[in-house]
Amino acid sequence: MAAIWIPKRLVDLSLINTRAQSKRSFVRHCEFEYESRIYAAAKEIVAEDRHVVLVSGPSSSGKTTSSLKLRDKLIGMGRQSRVVSMDNFYKNLDVYPRLENGSKDLENVTGLELDLFADCVRKLLADGKAMFPRFDFASETRQDEAEPIEIGDGILIVEGIHALNPLVLEKLPEDERFAIYASPREEYSYRGQKVLPTRDIRLMRRMIRDYKRRGNSPWNTIEVWPKVCEGEDKYIKVYKPNADYILDTSFSYELLIMNSELQNFKGYADDSIPGMRLGELLNIFKNLDSLSVGYVPRGSMLKEFYG
């Protein structure tokens, strides 16, 4: 089928401030637009009669919550649906691929048991139910007890960074699969110059989430980000053309929430390399309005990052 692509768009920050004058209306509009995109994807999946949906995307793109939202939409359309993570197909630590320095190659698709993945999915398609592995990340080994997955004649949603890799896709029947690439598609400008690409939006999502939930300083997130992006370029973004549908996970009002949350980081904007990078990001927001995190509706995809 022909891919359904969503081109990136550039929005001036002054327009965000203008819309912020009607705060609740702005939030409702953005949330409605995102839910409409999820509905459009679900409608396309049902119309094409696909039974395996593969969802990939870069770090902090919202693919996990979007997969769950898609499941709920499909169930609402009368189709039984389950979400499984490709992470459960990781190989045990003792056989995991390694880099030249001996460390784990966490971004390598060969770290997954692809044949086992294919066997599980094909059995599910044939019988309507199958046993799927569970992976214990604490011990980095597969658990002895598998998880029963049952969808009948429904739809399996597979979420993972390698979901669009050709080595994964080739193991599934082409007429059964539907591939989705999830990522923000809205970038921002100020006085005619682009100041916030989507990669920076995802960086700040991750920075705020990891600070609030994992106790990571923004310095740590900024320091590892180039390595994260390198892995994305090599193993994720390169396979975006394999997608049947580009799911836009942008919310224009998110910048207002982001601005409020970023105030917690002012003390980290020092003369260190990550501190100076943080200062650059904070400076972009200085002329932008803000909204408290309380404006994010219950059940919003943005709860994945803002709690």
C-alpha atoms as a PDB file:
ATOM      1  CA  MET A   1       0.000   0.000   0.000  1.00  0.00           C
ATOM      2  CA  ALA A   2       1.100   3.600  -0.535  1.00  0.00           C
ATOM      3  CA  ALA A   3       2.553   5.199   2.575  1.00  0.00           C
ATOM      4  CA  ILE A   4       0.561   7.926   4.354  1.00  0.00           C
ATOM      5  CA  TRP A   5       3.132  10.610   5.147  1.00  0.00           C
ATOM      6  CA  ILE A   6       2.825  13.705   7.317  1.00  0.00           C
ATOM      7  CA  PRO A   7       5.300  16.438   6.284  1.00  0.00           C
ATOM      8  CA  LYS A   8       7.021  18.458   8.997  1.00  0.00           C
ATOM      9  CA  ARG A   9       5.654  21.941   9.619  1.00  0.00           C
ATOM     10  CA  LEU A  10       7.288  25.070  11.021  1.00  0.00           C
ATOM     11  CA  VAL A  11       5.318  27.152  13.540  1.00  0.00           C
ATOM     12  CA  ASP A  12       6.389  30.562  14.831  1.00  0.00           C
ATOM     13  CA  LEU A  13       6.557  30.868  18.622  1.00  0.00           C
ATOM     14  CA  SER A  14       4.484  34.042  18.458  1.00  0.00           C
ATOM     15  CA  LEU A  15       1.535  31.942  17.261  1.00  0.00           C
ATOM     16  CA  ILE A  16       1.909  29.696  20.314  1.00  0.00           C
ATOM     17  CA  ASN A  17       1.647  32.761  22.545  1.00  0.00           C
ATOM     18  CA  THR A  18      -1.416  33.948  20.648  1.00  0.00           C
ATOM     19  CA  ARG A  19      -3.201  30.611  21.097  1.00  0.00           C
ATOM     20  CA  ALA A  20      -2.161  30.541  24.762  1.00  0.00           C
ATOM     21  CA  GLN A  21      -4.557  33.419  25.403  1.00  0.00           C
ATOM     22  CA  SER A  22      -7.320  30.773  25.359  1.00  0.00           C
ATOM     23  CA  LYS A  23      -5.514  28.140  27.384  1.00  0.00           C
ATOM     24  CA  ARG A  24      -8.114  25.419  27.829  1.00  0.00           C
ATOM     25  CA  SER A  25      -9.386  25.779  24.277  1.00  0.00           C
ATOM     26  CA  PHE A  26      -5.806  25.485  22.988  1.00  0.00           C
ATOM     27  CA  VAL A  27      -5.225  22.306  25.009  1.00  0.00           C
ATOM     28  CA  ARG A  28      -8.519  20.751  23.878  1.00  0.00           C
ATOM     29  CA  HIS A  29      -7.761  21.510  20.221  1.00  0.00           C
ATOM     30  CA  CYS A  30      -4.287  19.933  20.334  1.00  0.00           C
ATOM     31  CA  GLU A  31      -5.521  16.851  22.176  1.00  0.00           C
ATOM     32  CA  PHE A  32      -8.373  16.430  19.695  1.00  0.00           C
ATOM     33  CA  GLU A  33      -5.960  16.652  16.760  1.00  0.00           C
ATOM     34  CA  TYR A  34      -3.707  13.962  18.225  1.00  0.00           C
ATOM     35  CA  GLU A  35      -6.654  11.653  18.973  1.00  0.00           C
ATOM     36  CA  SER A  36      -7.839  12.212  15.395  1.00  0.00           C
ATOM     37  CA  ARG A  37      -4.478  11.008  14.098  1.00  0.00           C
ATOM     38  CA  ILE A  38      -4.735   7.864  16.222  1.00  0.00           C
ATOM     39  CA  TYR A  39      -8.263   7.290  14.936  1.00  0.00           C
ATOM     40  CA  ALA A  40      -7.117   7.759  11.329  1.00  0.00           C
ATOM     41  CA  ALA A  41      -4.388   5.145  11.821  1.00  0.00           C
ATOM     42  CA  ALA A  42      -6.852   2.688  13.378  1.00  0.00           C
ATOM     43  CA  LYS A  43      -9.352   3.254  10.583  1.00  0.00           C
ATOM     44  CA  GLU A  44      -6.670   2.586   7.967  1.00  0.00           C
ATOM     45  CA  ILE A  45      -5.574  -0.629   9.704  1.00  0.00           C
ATOM     46  CA  VAL A  46      -9.129  -1.954   9.775  1.00  0.00           C
ATOM     47  CA  ALA A  47      -9.820  -0.869   6.190  1.00  0.00           C
ATOM     48  CA  GLU A  48      -6.686  -2.687   4.985  1.00  0.00           C
ATOM     49  CA  ASP A  49      -7.583  -5.742   7.102  1.00  0.00           C
ATOM     50  CA  ARG A  50      -4.146  -5.918   8.706  1.00  0.00           C
ATOM     51  CA  HIS A  51      -3.543  -8.059  11.797  1.00  0.00           C
ATOM     52  CA  VAL A  52      -0.015  -7.073  12.855  1.00  0.00           C
ATOM     53  CA  VAL A  53       0.814  -3.416  13.506  1.00  0.00           C
ATOM     54  CA  LEU A  54       4.461  -2.517  14.028  1.00  0.00           C
ATOM     55  CA  VAL A  55       5.167   0.776  15.800  1.00  0.00           C
ATOM     56  CA  SER A  56       8.634   2.303  15.817  1.00  0.00           C
ATOM     57  CA  GLY A  57      10.066   5.727  16.488  1.00  0.00           C
ATOM     58  CA  PRO A  58      13.011   7.514  18.084  1.00  0.00           C
ATOM     59  CA  SER A  59      13.535   8.163  21.788  1.00  0.00           C
ATOM     60  CA  SER A  60      10.797  10.148  23.550  1.00  0.00           C
ATOM     61  CA  SER A  61       8.554  10.128  20.501  1.00  0.00           C
ATOM     62  CA  GLY A  62       5.559   8.824  22.472  1.00  0.00           C
ATOM     63  CA  LYS A  63       5.409   5.475  20.688  1.00  0.00           C
ATOM     64  CA  THR A  64       4.618   3.473  23.850  1.00  0.00           C
ATOM     65  CA  THR A  65       1.561   5.487  24.858  1.00  0.00           C
ATOM     66  CA  SER A  66       0.516   5.891  21.232  1.00  0.00           C
ATOM     67  CA  SER A  67       0.518   2.102  20.860  1.00  0.00           C
ATOM     68  CA  LEU A  68      -1.813   1.808  23.846  1.00  0.00           C
ATOM     69  CA  LYS A  69      -4.038   4.569  22.465  1.00  0.00           C
ATOM     70  CA  LEU A  70      -4.182   2.761  19.131  1.00  0.00           C
ATOM     71  CA  ARG A  71      -5.150  -0.461  20.901  1.00  0.00           C
ATOM     72  CA  ASP A  72      -8.029   1.316  22.621  1.00  0.00           C
ATOM     73  CA  LYS A  73      -9.256   2.818  19.343  1.00  0.00           C
ATOM     74  CA  LEU A  74      -9.189  -0.600  17.651  1.00  0.00           C
ATOM     75  CA  ILE A  75     -11.096  -2.170  20.538  1.00  0.00           C
ATOM     76  CA  GLY A  76     -13.638   0.655  20.220  1.00  0.00           C
ATOM     77  CA  MET A  77     -14.050  -0.367  16.569  1.00  0.00           C
ATOM     78  CA  GLY A  78     -14.886  -3.885  17.662  1.00  0.00           C
ATOM     79  CA  ARG A  79     -11.459  -5.430  17.017  1.00  0.00           C
ATOM     80  CA  GLN A  80      -9.747  -7.356  19.791  1.00  0.00           C
ATOM     81  CA  SER A  81      -6.233  -5.963  20.238  1.00  0.00           C
ATOM     82  CA  ARG A  82      -3.121  -6.393  22.376  1.00  0.00           C
ATOM     83  CA  VAL A  83       0.168  -4.521  22.649  1.00  0.00           C
ATOM     84  CA  VAL A  84       3.451  -6.384  23.071  1.00  0.00           C
ATOM     85  CA  SER A  85       6.951  -4.969  23.358  1.00  0.00           C
ATOM     86  CA  MET A  86       9.793  -6.215  21.203  1.00  0.00           C
ATOM     87  CA  ASP A  87      11.997  -5.766  24.267  1.00  0.00           C
ATOM     88  CA  ASN A  88      10.695  -9.109  25.530  1.00  0.00           C
ATOM     89  CA  PHE A  89      12.547 -10.792  22.659  1.00  0.00           C
ATOM     90  CA  TYR A  90      15.997  -9.632  23.762  1.00  0.00           C
ATOM     91  CA  LYS A  91      18.678 -12.297  23.978  1.00  0.00           C
ATOM     92  CA  ASN A  92      20.146 -13.226  27.344  1.00  0.00           C
ATOM     93  CA  LEU A  93      23.119 -11.230  28.567  1.00  0.00           C
ATOM     94  CA  ASP A  94      25.645 -14.011  27.932  1.00  0.00           C
ATOM     95  CA  VAL A  95      24.901 -14.113  24.182  1.00  0.00           C
ATOM     96  CA  TYR A  96      24.162 -10.419  23.608  1.00  0.00           C
ATOM     97  CA  PRO A  97      26.093  -8.709  20.746  1.00  0.00           C
ATOM     98  CA  ARG A  98      29.069  -6.672  21.882  1.00  0.00           C
ATOM     99  CA  LEU A  99      30.934  -3.610  20.684  1.00  0.00           C
ATOM    100  CA  GLU A 100      34.676  -3.692  20.077  1.00  0.00           C
ATOM    101  CA  ASN A 101      35.325  -2.469  23.617  1.00  0.00           C
ATOM    102  CA  GLY A 102      33.287  -5.354  25.059  1.00  0.00           C
ATOM    103  CA  SER A 103      30.242  -3.325  26.124  1.00  0.00           C
ATOM    104  CA  LYS A 104      26.729  -4.363  25.098  1.00  0.00           C
ATOM    105  CA  ASP A 105      25.582  -3.142  21.692  1.00  0.00           C
ATOM    106  CA  LEU A 106      22.147  -2.080  22.899  1.00  0.00           C
ATOM    107  CA  GLU A 107      21.041  -0.621  19.561  1.00  0.00           C
ATOM    108  CA  ASN A 108      21.792  -3.725  17.470  1.00  0.00           C
ATOM    109  CA  VAL A 109      18.783  -5.547  16.036  1.00  0.00           C
ATOM    110  CA  THR A 110      20.692  -8.833  16.289  1.00  0.00           C
ATOM    111  CA  GLY A 111      20.254  -8.518  20.042  1.00  0.00           C
ATOM    112  CA  LEU A 112      16.696  -9.744  19.453  1.00  0.00           C
ATOM    113  CA  GLU A 113      15.591 -13.352  18.964  1.00  0.00           C
ATOM    114  CA  LEU A 114      14.060 -12.634  15.564  1.00  0.00           C
ATOM    115  CA  ASP A 115      13.193 -16.239  14.733  1.00  0.00           C
ATOM    116  CA  LEU A 116      11.382 -16.618  18.046  1.00  0.00           C
ATOM    117  CA  PHE A 117       9.541 -13.363  17.365  1.00  0.00           C
ATOM    118  CA  ALA A 118       8.432 -14.623  13.946  1.00  0.00           C
ATOM    119  CA  ASP A 119       7.313 -17.979  15.375  1.00  0.00           C
ATOM    120  CA  CYS A 120       5.214 -16.319  18.087  1.00  0.00           C
ATOM    121  CA  VAL A 121       3.527 -13.892  15.691  1.00  0.00           C
ATOM    122  CA  ARG A 122       2.798 -16.540  13.052  1.00  0.00           C
ATOM    123  CA  LYS A 123       1.291 -18.881  15.631  1.00  0.00           C
ATOM    124  CA  LEU A 124      -0.848 -16.018  16.920  1.00  0.00           C
ATOM    125  CA  LEU A 125      -2.070 -15.278  13.394  1.00  0.00           C
ATOM    126  CA  ALA A 126      -2.819 -18.941  12.745  1.00  0.00           C
ATOM    127  CA  ASP A 127      -4.427 -19.891  16.077  1.00  0.00           C
ATOM    128  CA  GLY A 128      -5.563 -16.587  17.539  1.00  0.00           C
ATOM    129  CA  LYS A 129      -3.421 -17.209  20.626  1.00  0.00           C
ATOM    130  CA  ALA A 130       0.216 -17.891  21.448  1.00  0.00           C
ATOM    131  CA  MET A 131       2.735 -17.792  24.294  1.00  0.00           C
ATOM    132  CA  PHE A 132       5.079 -14.790  24.210  1.00  0.00           C
ATOM    133  CA  PRO A 133       8.333 -14.517  26.181  1.00  0.00           C
ATOM    134  CA  ARG A 134       8.926 -12.200  29.088  1.00  0.00           C
ATOM    135  CA  PHE A 135      12.288 -10.513  29.623  1.00  0.00           C
ATOM    136  CA  ASP A 136      13.603  -9.573  33.056  1.00  0.00           C
ATOM    137  CA  PHE A 137      15.701  -6.417  32.701  1.00  0.00           C
ATOM    138  CA  ALA A 138      17.085  -6.663  36.227  1.00  0.00           C
ATOM    139  CA  SER A 139      18.854  -9.957  35.498  1.00  0.00           C
ATOM    140  CA  GLU A 140      18.943  -9.367  31.721  1.00  0.00           C
ATOM    141  CA  THR A 141      17.600 -12.836  31.046  1.00  0.00           C
ATOM    142  CA  ARG A 142      14.386 -14.314  29.688  1.00  0.00           C
ATOM    143  CA  GLN A 143      11.928 -15.460  32.331  1.00  0.00           C
ATOM    144  CA  ASP A 144      10.945 -19.111  32.518  1.00  0.00           C
ATOM    145  CA  GLU A 145       7.246 -18.254  32.503  1.00  0.00           C
ATOM    146  CA  ALA A 146       5.832 -17.025  29.170  1.00  0.00           C
ATOM    147  CA  GLU A 147       2.827 -14.737  28.741  1.00  0.00           C
ATOM    148  CA  PRO A 148      -0.332 -15.929  26.984  1.00  0.00           C
ATOM    149  CA  ILE A 149      -1.467 -13.523  24.255  1.00  0.00           C
ATOM    150  CA  GLU A 150      -4.873 -13.979  22.686  1.00  0.00           C
ATOM    151  CA  ILE A 151      -6.435 -11.817  19.978  1.00  0.00           C
ATOM    152  CA  GLY A 152      -8.667 -14.235  18.076  1.00  0.00           C
ATOM    153  CA  ASP A 153      -9.155 -12.630  14.673  1.00  0.00           C
ATOM    154  CA  GLY A 154      -8.014  -9.305  16.114  1.00  0.00           C
ATOM    155  CA  ILE A 155      -4.911  -7.165  15.847  1.00  0.00           C
ATOM    156  CA  LEU A 156      -1.499  -7.452  17.478  1.00  0.00           C
ATOM    157  CA  ILE A 157       0.415  -4.213  18.058  1.00  0.00           C
ATOM    158  CA  VAL A 158       4.183  -4.649  18.319  1.00  0.00           C
ATOM    159  CA  GLU A 159       6.079  -1.690  19.773  1.00  0.00           C
ATOM    160  CA  GLY A 160       9.845  -1.315  19.613  1.00  0.00           C
ATOM    161  CA  ILE A 161      12.711   0.687  18.144  1.00  0.00           C
ATOM    162  CA  HIS A 162      13.506  -2.089  15.642  1.00  0.00           C
ATOM    163  CA  ALA A 163       9.908  -2.695  14.514  1.00  0.00           C
ATOM    164  CA  LEU A 164      10.530  -1.257  11.009  1.00  0.00           C
ATOM    165  CA  ASN A 165      13.883  -2.957  10.466  1.00  0.00           C
ATOM    166  CA  PRO A 166      13.828  -5.077   7.274  1.00  0.00           C
ATOM    167  CA  LEU A 167      15.106  -8.067   9.267  1.00  0.00           C
ATOM    168  CA  VAL A 168      11.894  -7.853  11.300  1.00  0.00           C
ATOM    169  CA  LEU A 169       9.502  -7.024   8.462  1.00  0.00           C
ATOM    170  CA  GLU A 170      10.718  -9.821   6.204  1.00  0.00           C
ATOM    171  CA  LYS A 171       9.670 -12.403   8.772  1.00  0.00           C
ATOM    172  CA  LEU A 172       6.010 -11.321   8.649  1.00  0.00           C
ATOM    173  CA  PRO A 173       3.459 -11.751   5.833  1.00  0.00           C
ATOM    174  CA  GLU A 174       3.360  -8.500   3.876  1.00  0.00           C
ATOM    175  CA  ASP A 175      -0.424  -8.579   3.509  1.00  0.00           C
ATOM    176  CA  GLU A 176      -0.855  -8.926   7.289  1.00  0.00           C
ATOM    177  CA  ARG A 177       1.420  -6.157   8.552  1.00  0.00           C
ATOM    178  CA  PHE A 178       0.977  -2.392   8.920  1.00  0.00           C
ATOM    179  CA  ALA A 179       4.012  -0.288   9.854  1.00  0.00           C
ATOM    180  CA  ILE A 180       3.806   2.982  11.800  1.00  0.00           C
ATOM    181  CA  TYR A 181       6.585   5.478  12.462  1.00  0.00           C
ATOM    182  CA  ALA A 182       5.714   7.697  15.440  1.00  0.00           C
ATOM    183  CA  SER A 183       7.477  11.006  16.043  1.00  0.00           C
ATOM    184  CA  PRO A 184       6.768  14.725  16.491  1.00  0.00           C
ATOM    185  CA  ARG A 185       6.381  16.515  13.165  1.00  0.00           C
ATOM    186  CA  GLU A 186       6.113  20.116  14.386  1.00  0.00           C
ATOM    187  CA  GLU A 187       9.151  22.386  14.619  1.00  0.00           C
ATOM    188  CA  TYR A 188       9.338  25.985  15.826  1.00  0.00           C
ATOM    189  CA  SER A 189      10.803  29.261  14.609  1.00  0.00           C
ATOM    190  CA  TYR A 190      11.410  32.731  16.023  1.00  0.00           C
ATOM    191  CA  ARG A 191      11.619  35.781  13.761  1.00  0.00           C
ATOM    192  CA  GLY A 192      11.974  33.598  10.696  1.00  0.00           C
ATOM    193  CA  GLN A 193      14.700  31.310  12.065  1.00  0.00           C
ATOM    194  CA  LYS A 194      14.138  27.708  13.102  1.00  0.00           C
ATOM    195  CA  VAL A 195      15.036  27.452  16.795  1.00  0.00           C
ATOM    196  CA  LEU A 196      13.478  24.158  17.934  1.00  0.00           C
ATOM    197  CA  PRO A 197      13.779  21.103  15.668  1.00  0.00           C
ATOM    198  CA  THR A 198      11.901  17.965  16.617  1.00  0.00           C
ATOM    199  CA  ARG A 199      15.107  16.404  17.971  1.00  0.00           C
ATOM    200  CA  ASP A 200      15.318  19.151  20.603  1.00  0.00           C
ATOM    201  CA  ILE A 201      11.657  18.652  21.510  1.00  0.00           C
ATOM    202  CA  ARG A 202      12.381  14.986  22.187  1.00  0.00           C
ATOM    203  CA  LEU A 203      15.524  15.855  24.144  1.00  0.00           C
ATOM    204  CA  MET A 204      13.531  18.104  26.470  1.00  0.00           C
ATOM    205  CA  ARG A 205      10.767  15.526  26.869  1.00  0.00           C
ATOM    206  CA  ARG A 206      13.372  12.994  27.933  1.00  0.00           C
ATOM    207  CA  MET A 207      15.180  15.485  30.141  1.00  0.00           C
ATOM    208  CA  ILE A 208      12.012  16.398  32.048  1.00  0.00           C
ATOM    209  CA  ARG A 209      10.790  12.793  32.333  1.00  0.00           C
ATOM    210  CA  ASP A 210      14.123  11.414  33.533  1.00  0.00           C
ATOM    211  CA  TYR A 211      14.552  14.232  36.051  1.00  0.00           C
ATOM    212  CA  LYS A 212      11.097  13.708  37.554  1.00  0.00           C
ATOM    213  CA  ARG A 213      10.892   9.915  37.448  1.00  0.00           C
ATOM    214  CA  ARG A 214      14.472   8.664  37.557  1.00  0.00           C
ATOM    215  CA  GLY A 215      16.334  11.419  39.373  1.00  0.00           C
ATOM    216  CA  ASN A 216      18.660  12.044  36.418  1.00  0.00           C
ATOM    217  CA  SER A 217      20.085  15.527  36.181  1.00  0.00           C
ATOM    218  CA  PRO A 218      19.571  17.398  32.893  1.00  0.00           C
ATOM    219  CA  TRP A 219      23.369  17.329  32.518  1.00  0.00           C
ATOM    220  CA  ASN A 220      23.300  13.526  32.310  1.00  0.00           C
ATOM    221  CA  THR A 221      20.535  13.509  29.700  1.00  0.00           C
ATOM    222  CA  ILE A 222      22.315  16.103  27.566  1.00  0.00           C
ATOM    223  CA  GLU A 223      25.633  14.236  27.800  1.00  0.00           C
ATOM    224  CA  VAL A 224      24.199  10.923  26.529  1.00  0.00           C
ATOM    225  CA  TRP A 225      21.941  12.510  23.909  1.00  0.00           C
ATOM    226  CA  PRO A 226      24.505  12.563  21.039  1.00  0.00           C
ATOM    227  CA  LYS A 227      24.982   8.807  21.461  1.00  0.00           C
ATOM    228  CA  VAL A 228      21.210   8.299  21.496  1.00  0.00           C
ATOM    229  CA  CYS A 229      20.875  10.299  18.272  1.00  0.00           C
ATOM    230  CA  GLU A 230      23.708   8.369  16.663  1.00  0.00           C
ATOM    231  CA  GLY A 231      21.865   5.120  17.365  1.00  0.00           C
ATOM    232  CA  GLU A 232      18.612   6.574  16.031  1.00  0.00           C
ATOM    233  CA  ASP A 233      20.236   7.626  12.770  1.00  0.00           C
ATOM    234  CA  LYS A 234      21.825   4.222  12.325  1.00  0.00           C
ATOM    235  CA  TYR A 235      19.045   1.875  13.440  1.00  0.00           C
ATOM    236  CA  ILE A 236      15.698   3.731  13.480  1.00  0.00           C
ATOM    237  CA  LYS A 237      15.359   6.768  11.228  1.00  0.00           C
ATOM    238  CA  VAL A 238      17.001   5.039   8.296  1.00  0.00           C
ATOM    239  CA  TYR A 239      14.002   2.679   8.141  1.00  0.00           C
ATOM    240  CA  LYS A 240      11.342   5.384   8.240  1.00  0.00           C
ATOM    241  CA  PRO A 241      10.595   4.803   4.520  1.00  0.00           C
ATOM    242  CA  ASN A 242       9.310   1.337   5.483  1.00  0.00           C
ATOM    243  CA  ALA A 243       6.369   2.940   7.289  1.00  0.00           C
ATOM    244  CA  ASP A 244       2.839   2.780   5.920  1.00  0.00           C
ATOM    245  CA  TYR A 245       1.763   5.634   8.186  1.00  0.00           C
ATOM    246  CA  ILE A 246       3.594   8.521   9.871  1.00  0.00           C
ATOM    247  CA  LEU A 247       1.987   9.234  13.234  1.00  0.00           C
ATOM    248  CA  ASP A 248       2.548  12.833  14.332  1.00  0.00           C
ATOM    249  CA  THR A 249       2.977  12.998  18.126  1.00  0.00           C
ATOM    250  CA  SER A 250       3.254  16.799  18.332  1.00  0.00           C
ATOM    251  CA  PHE A 251       1.173  18.966  20.649  1.00  0.00           C
ATOM    252  CA  SER A 252       1.563  22.705  20.068  1.00  0.00           C
ATOM    253  CA  TYR A 253       0.590  23.546  23.638  1.00  0.00           C
ATOM    254  CA  GLU A 254       3.340  21.239  24.928  1.00  0.00           C
ATOM    255  CA  LEU A 255       5.856  24.074  24.617  1.00  0.00           C
ATOM    256  CA  LEU A 256       3.936  26.008  27.283  1.00  0.00           C
ATOM    257  CA  ILE A 257       4.040  23.011  29.648  1.00  0.00           C
ATOM    258  CA  MET A 258       7.697  22.479  28.781  1.00  0.00           C
ATOM    259  CA  ASN A 259       8.520  26.087  29.598  1.00  0.00           C
ATOM    260  CA  SER A 260       6.973  25.721  33.037  1.00  0.00           C
ATOM    261  CA  GLU A 261       8.860  22.488  33.770  1.00  0.00           C
ATOM    262  CA  LEU A 262      12.187  23.807  32.455  1.00  0.00           C
ATOM    263  CA  GLN A 263      12.224  26.457  35.186  1.00  0.00           C
ATOM    264  CA  ASN A 264      13.383  23.670  37.520  1.00  0.00           C
ATOM    265  CA  PHE A 265      16.621  23.463  35.532  1.00  0.00           C
ATOM    266  CA  LYS A 266      17.867  27.052  35.742  1.00  0.00           C
ATOM    267  CA  GLY A 267      20.409  26.127  38.390  1.00  0.00           C
ATOM    268  CA  TYR A 268      21.974  23.601  36.003  1.00  0.00           C
ATOM    269  CA  ALA A 269      22.657  26.187  33.289  1.00  0.00           C
ATOM    270  CA  ASP A 270      26.306  26.779  34.230  1.00  0.00           C
ATOM    271  CA  ASP A 271      29.527  27.068  32.218  1.00  0.00           C
ATOM    272  CA  SER A 272      29.954  23.290  31.778  1.00  0.00           C
ATOM    273  CA  ILE A 273      29.372  21.879  28.279  1.00  0.00           C
ATOM    274  CA  PRO A 274      25.946  20.355  29.130  1.00  0.00           C
ATOM    275  CA  GLY A 275      25.144  23.436  31.221  1.00  0.00           C
ATOM    276  CA  MET A 276      25.783  25.771  28.301  1.00  0.00           C
ATOM    277  CA  ARG A 277      23.648  23.585  26.023  1.00  0.00           C
ATOM    278  CA  LEU A 278      20.863  23.763  28.595  1.00  0.00           C
ATOM    279  CA  GLY A 279      21.255  27.529  28.748  1.00  0.00           C
ATOM    280  CA  GLU A 280      20.781  27.728  24.979  1.00  0.00           C
ATOM    281  CA  LEU A 281      17.520  25.796  25.251  1.00  0.00           C
ATOM    282  CA  LEU A 282      16.263  27.886  28.172  1.00  0.00           C
ATOM    283  CA  ASN A 283      17.017  31.075  26.249  1.00  0.00           C
ATOM    284  CA  ILE A 284      14.669  30.007  23.430  1.00  0.00           C
ATOM    285  CA  PHE A 285      11.786  29.884  25.896  1.00  0.00           C
ATOM    286  CA  LYS A 286      12.358  33.256  27.540  1.00  0.00           C
ATOM    287  CA  ASN A 287       9.707  35.019  25.416  1.00  0.00           C
ATOM    288  CA  LEU A 288       7.188  32.176  25.573  1.00  0.00           C
ATOM    289  CA  ASP A 289       4.210  31.902  27.884  1.00  0.00           C
ATOM    290  CA  SER A 290       3.883  28.918  30.208  1.00  0.00           C
ATOM    291  CA  LEU A 291       1.231  26.541  31.510  1.00  0.00           C
ATOM    292  CA  SER A 292       1.387  24.384  34.608  1.00  0.00           C
ATOM    293  CA  VAL A 293       1.465  20.619  34.141  1.00  0.00           C
ATOM    294  CA  GLY A 294      -2.024  20.535  35.645  1.00  0.00           C
ATOM    295  CA  TYR A 295      -3.394  21.592  32.252  1.00  0.00           C
ATOM    296  CA  VAL A 296      -2.356  18.254  30.721  1.00  0.00           C
ATOM    297  CA  PRO A 297      -5.573  16.179  30.657  1.00  0.00           C
ATOM    298  CA  ARG A 298      -5.798  12.815  32.339  1.00  0.00           C
ATOM    299  CA  GLY A 299      -5.155  10.179  29.686  1.00  0.00           C
ATOM    300  CA  SER A 300      -3.102  12.505  27.445  1.00  0.00           C
ATOM    301  CA  MET A 301      -0.132  10.998  25.646  1.00  0.00           C
ATOM    302  CA  LEU A 302       1.940  13.773  27.219  1.00  0.00           C
ATOM    303  CA  LYS A 303       1.475  12.135  30.625  1.00  0.00           C
ATOM    304  CA  GLU A 304       4.210   9.761  29.465  1.00  0.00           C
ATOM    305  CA  PHE A 305       6.655  12.655  29.950  1.00  0.00           C
ATOM    306  CA  TYR A 306       5.035  15.088  32.367  1.00  0.00           C
ATOM    307  CA  GLY A 307       3.391  12.680  34.832  1.00  0.00           C
END
